[in-house]
N, C-alpha and C. Protein backbone atom coordinates (compact mmCIF):
# COMPACT_ATOMS: atom_id res chain seq x y z
N MET A 1 104.34 68.11 121.63
CA MET A 1 104.76 69.36 121.01
C MET A 1 103.87 70.48 121.53
N THR A 2 104.43 71.52 122.05
CA THR A 2 103.66 72.62 122.61
C THR A 2 103.52 73.78 121.64
N ASP A 3 104.36 73.84 120.63
CA ASP A 3 104.28 74.93 119.66
C ASP A 3 103.12 74.71 118.71
N LYS A 4 102.41 75.77 118.44
CA LYS A 4 101.30 75.74 117.50
C LYS A 4 101.53 76.77 116.41
N ARG A 5 101.12 76.42 115.19
CA ARG A 5 101.14 77.38 114.10
C ARG A 5 99.84 78.19 114.23
N LYS A 6 99.95 79.50 114.30
CA LYS A 6 98.78 80.36 114.51
C LYS A 6 98.21 80.79 113.16
N ILE A 7 96.98 80.38 112.91
CA ILE A 7 96.29 80.70 111.66
C ILE A 7 95.11 81.61 112.01
N GLU A 8 95.06 82.78 111.37
CA GLU A 8 93.95 83.71 111.58
C GLU A 8 93.24 83.92 110.25
N VAL A 9 91.92 83.72 110.25
CA VAL A 9 91.12 83.97 109.06
C VAL A 9 90.29 85.21 109.33
N PHE A 10 90.51 86.24 108.54
CA PHE A 10 89.75 87.47 108.66
C PHE A 10 88.54 87.35 107.74
N SER A 11 87.35 87.47 108.33
CA SER A 11 86.11 87.18 107.61
C SER A 11 85.07 88.26 107.83
N ALA A 12 84.21 88.44 106.84
CA ALA A 12 83.07 89.34 106.97
C ALA A 12 81.77 88.53 107.00
N GLY A 13 81.89 87.21 107.06
CA GLY A 13 80.71 86.36 107.13
C GLY A 13 80.03 86.11 105.79
N CYS A 14 80.70 86.46 104.71
CA CYS A 14 80.12 86.27 103.37
C CYS A 14 80.33 84.82 102.92
N PRO A 15 79.63 84.38 101.86
CA PRO A 15 79.81 83.01 101.37
C PRO A 15 81.26 82.69 100.98
N VAL A 16 81.97 83.63 100.38
CA VAL A 16 83.37 83.39 100.01
C VAL A 16 84.23 83.23 101.27
N CYS A 17 83.94 84.04 102.28
CA CYS A 17 84.67 83.93 103.55
C CYS A 17 84.40 82.56 104.18
N ASP A 18 83.14 82.12 104.15
CA ASP A 18 82.79 80.82 104.71
C ASP A 18 83.52 79.69 104.00
N GLU A 19 83.65 79.79 102.68
CA GLU A 19 84.40 78.79 101.90
C GLU A 19 85.86 78.77 102.33
N THR A 20 86.42 79.94 102.57
CA THR A 20 87.82 80.03 102.99
C THR A 20 88.01 79.40 104.37
N VAL A 21 87.09 79.64 105.27
CA VAL A 21 87.16 79.04 106.61
C VAL A 21 87.13 77.52 106.48
N LYS A 22 86.26 77.00 105.63
CA LYS A 22 86.18 75.54 105.41
C LYS A 22 87.49 75.01 104.83
N LEU A 23 88.04 75.73 103.86
CA LEU A 23 89.30 75.33 103.24
C LEU A 23 90.42 75.28 104.27
N VAL A 24 90.55 76.34 105.04
CA VAL A 24 91.61 76.41 106.05
C VAL A 24 91.45 75.27 107.06
N ASN A 25 90.24 75.06 107.53
CA ASN A 25 90.02 73.99 108.50
C ASN A 25 90.29 72.61 107.92
N SER A 26 90.03 72.43 106.63
CA SER A 26 90.28 71.11 106.02
C SER A 26 91.76 70.84 105.80
N VAL A 27 92.55 71.89 105.63
CA VAL A 27 93.98 71.74 105.37
C VAL A 27 94.80 71.78 106.68
N ALA A 28 94.26 72.42 107.70
CA ALA A 28 94.99 72.61 108.95
C ALA A 28 95.42 71.29 109.57
N CYS A 29 96.61 71.30 110.15
CA CYS A 29 97.17 70.12 110.82
C CYS A 29 96.82 70.17 112.31
N PRO A 30 97.07 69.08 113.01
CA PRO A 30 96.78 69.07 114.45
C PRO A 30 97.52 70.15 115.24
N SER A 31 98.65 70.62 114.74
CA SER A 31 99.37 71.66 115.48
C SER A 31 99.04 73.07 114.95
N CYS A 32 98.00 73.18 114.13
CA CYS A 32 97.53 74.48 113.66
C CYS A 32 96.39 74.95 114.56
N GLU A 33 96.51 76.17 115.04
CA GLU A 33 95.46 76.78 115.86
C GLU A 33 94.74 77.80 114.98
N VAL A 34 93.52 77.45 114.54
CA VAL A 34 92.76 78.29 113.61
C VAL A 34 91.79 79.16 114.39
N THR A 35 91.84 80.47 114.09
CA THR A 35 90.92 81.43 114.69
C THR A 35 90.26 82.21 113.57
N VAL A 36 88.93 82.34 113.63
CA VAL A 36 88.19 83.14 112.65
C VAL A 36 87.86 84.47 113.32
N LEU A 37 88.25 85.55 112.65
CA LEU A 37 88.08 86.89 113.20
C LEU A 37 87.04 87.67 112.39
N ASP A 38 86.11 88.30 113.08
CA ASP A 38 85.01 89.04 112.46
C ASP A 38 85.44 90.48 112.17
N MET A 39 85.50 90.82 110.90
CA MET A 39 85.92 92.16 110.49
C MET A 39 84.94 93.24 110.91
N LYS A 40 83.75 92.87 111.37
CA LYS A 40 82.78 93.86 111.82
C LYS A 40 83.12 94.39 113.21
N THR A 41 84.13 93.78 113.84
CA THR A 41 84.59 94.20 115.16
C THR A 41 85.74 95.19 114.97
N SER A 42 85.67 96.33 115.65
CA SER A 42 86.63 97.40 115.39
C SER A 42 88.07 96.99 115.69
N ASP A 43 88.32 96.25 116.76
CA ASP A 43 89.70 95.86 117.05
C ASP A 43 90.24 94.89 116.02
N VAL A 44 89.37 94.05 115.47
CA VAL A 44 89.79 93.13 114.41
C VAL A 44 90.10 93.92 113.14
N ALA A 45 89.26 94.89 112.82
CA ALA A 45 89.50 95.72 111.64
C ALA A 45 90.81 96.50 111.76
N GLU A 46 91.12 96.98 112.96
CA GLU A 46 92.37 97.69 113.18
C GLU A 46 93.57 96.75 113.00
N ARG A 47 93.45 95.53 113.52
CA ARG A 47 94.54 94.55 113.35
C ARG A 47 94.72 94.23 111.87
N ALA A 48 93.62 94.06 111.16
CA ALA A 48 93.68 93.76 109.73
C ALA A 48 94.41 94.88 108.98
N LYS A 49 94.08 96.10 109.31
CA LYS A 49 94.73 97.25 108.65
C LYS A 49 96.23 97.23 108.93
N ALA A 50 96.61 96.95 110.17
CA ALA A 50 98.02 96.91 110.54
C ALA A 50 98.77 95.80 109.80
N LEU A 51 98.07 94.73 109.46
CA LEU A 51 98.69 93.62 108.73
C LEU A 51 98.71 93.84 107.22
N GLY A 52 98.06 94.90 106.75
CA GLY A 52 98.03 95.19 105.32
C GLY A 52 96.89 94.51 104.58
N ILE A 53 95.90 94.05 105.31
CA ILE A 53 94.75 93.38 104.68
C ILE A 53 93.87 94.45 104.05
N ARG A 54 93.59 94.25 102.76
CA ARG A 54 92.77 95.22 102.02
C ARG A 54 91.44 94.65 101.59
N SER A 55 91.31 93.32 101.66
CA SER A 55 90.04 92.68 101.32
C SER A 55 89.92 91.38 102.09
N VAL A 56 88.71 90.91 102.22
CA VAL A 56 88.46 89.64 102.89
C VAL A 56 87.81 88.68 101.90
N PRO A 57 87.98 87.41 102.10
CA PRO A 57 88.68 86.79 103.22
C PRO A 57 90.19 86.92 103.08
N ALA A 58 90.86 86.90 104.21
CA ALA A 58 92.32 86.95 104.24
C ALA A 58 92.81 85.99 105.31
N VAL A 59 93.96 85.39 105.06
CA VAL A 59 94.53 84.42 105.99
C VAL A 59 95.91 84.90 106.42
N VAL A 60 96.13 84.91 107.72
CA VAL A 60 97.41 85.29 108.31
C VAL A 60 97.97 84.04 108.98
N ILE A 61 99.20 83.69 108.64
CA ILE A 61 99.85 82.51 109.19
C ILE A 61 101.07 82.96 109.98
N ASP A 62 101.04 82.67 111.26
CA ASP A 62 102.13 83.06 112.17
C ASP A 62 102.45 84.55 112.06
N GLY A 63 101.39 85.38 112.02
CA GLY A 63 101.57 86.82 112.03
C GLY A 63 101.89 87.45 110.69
N ARG A 64 101.89 86.65 109.63
CA ARG A 64 102.24 87.18 108.30
C ARG A 64 101.10 86.90 107.32
N LEU A 65 100.66 87.94 106.62
CA LEU A 65 99.62 87.80 105.63
C LEU A 65 100.10 86.85 104.53
N ALA A 66 99.33 85.80 104.27
CA ALA A 66 99.70 84.84 103.23
C ALA A 66 99.72 85.54 101.88
N ASP A 67 100.72 85.23 101.06
CA ASP A 67 100.89 85.87 99.75
C ASP A 67 99.62 85.78 98.91
N CYS A 68 98.90 84.69 99.05
CA CYS A 68 97.69 84.50 98.24
C CYS A 68 96.62 85.53 98.57
N CYS A 69 96.73 86.14 99.73
CA CYS A 69 95.68 87.05 100.19
C CYS A 69 95.99 88.51 99.94
N THR A 70 97.04 88.79 99.21
CA THR A 70 97.37 90.17 98.92
C THR A 70 96.72 90.64 97.63
N GLY A 71 96.08 89.74 96.90
CA GLY A 71 95.46 90.12 95.63
C GLY A 71 94.09 89.51 95.44
N ARG A 72 94.05 88.34 94.81
CA ARG A 72 92.79 87.76 94.36
C ARG A 72 92.07 86.90 95.39
N GLY A 73 92.65 86.58 96.49
CA GLY A 73 91.98 85.77 97.49
C GLY A 73 92.70 84.47 97.74
N PRO A 74 92.28 83.76 98.77
CA PRO A 74 92.97 82.55 99.20
C PRO A 74 92.99 81.45 98.13
N ASP A 75 94.11 80.77 98.08
CA ASP A 75 94.32 79.66 97.16
C ASP A 75 94.98 78.54 97.96
N GLU A 76 94.48 77.33 97.85
CA GLU A 76 94.99 76.23 98.67
C GLU A 76 96.49 76.01 98.51
N ALA A 77 96.98 76.01 97.30
CA ALA A 77 98.41 75.76 97.08
C ALA A 77 99.26 76.84 97.73
N ALA A 78 98.83 78.09 97.62
CA ALA A 78 99.59 79.18 98.22
C ALA A 78 99.53 79.11 99.74
N LEU A 79 98.37 78.73 100.30
CA LEU A 79 98.26 78.59 101.75
C LEU A 79 99.17 77.48 102.26
N ARG A 80 99.20 76.36 101.54
CA ARG A 80 100.09 75.27 101.93
C ARG A 80 101.55 75.73 101.86
N GLY A 81 101.89 76.50 100.83
CA GLY A 81 103.24 77.02 100.68
C GLY A 81 103.64 77.96 101.81
N ALA A 82 102.63 78.62 102.41
CA ALA A 82 102.89 79.54 103.52
C ALA A 82 102.97 78.82 104.86
N GLY A 83 102.71 77.51 104.83
CA GLY A 83 102.87 76.73 106.05
C GLY A 83 101.60 76.11 106.60
N LEU A 84 100.44 76.42 106.05
CA LEU A 84 99.20 75.83 106.54
C LEU A 84 99.23 74.33 106.35
N GLY A 85 98.92 73.60 107.40
CA GLY A 85 98.90 72.15 107.34
C GLY A 85 100.24 71.48 107.64
N LYS A 86 101.26 72.30 107.90
CA LYS A 86 102.59 71.76 108.21
C LYS A 86 102.87 71.95 109.69
N PRO A 87 103.17 70.88 110.41
CA PRO A 87 103.52 71.04 111.81
C PRO A 87 104.78 71.88 111.97
N LEU A 88 104.88 72.52 113.11
CA LEU A 88 106.08 73.31 113.40
C LEU A 88 107.23 72.40 113.74
C-alpha cells in the first residue's frame, strides 16, 4: 500500500504537547505518517492559522483539523473517530 494517512501534530514543546505526541504515536497505524510541527517556526504558525488552529497541541489528519482540537484539546476517542490508527 503506497497511500499514507498524513497526521500533523502542532506543538509548542510544552508537557501537554509532548503527551499528545506520545498519544498520537501510540495510536498511529503503520500507514500513518506522523509529523510533529514546531509552532515557534513562522511557516508552521502560518499553516496553523490557515487551518483554524487557535491553541496547541492540535492534530490535523489528512489536512483537516480534528474535531477534538477545536476546543479543549486532543482526546483519543475523537482522534480515532477522525481516522487516526485506521489504514487508508
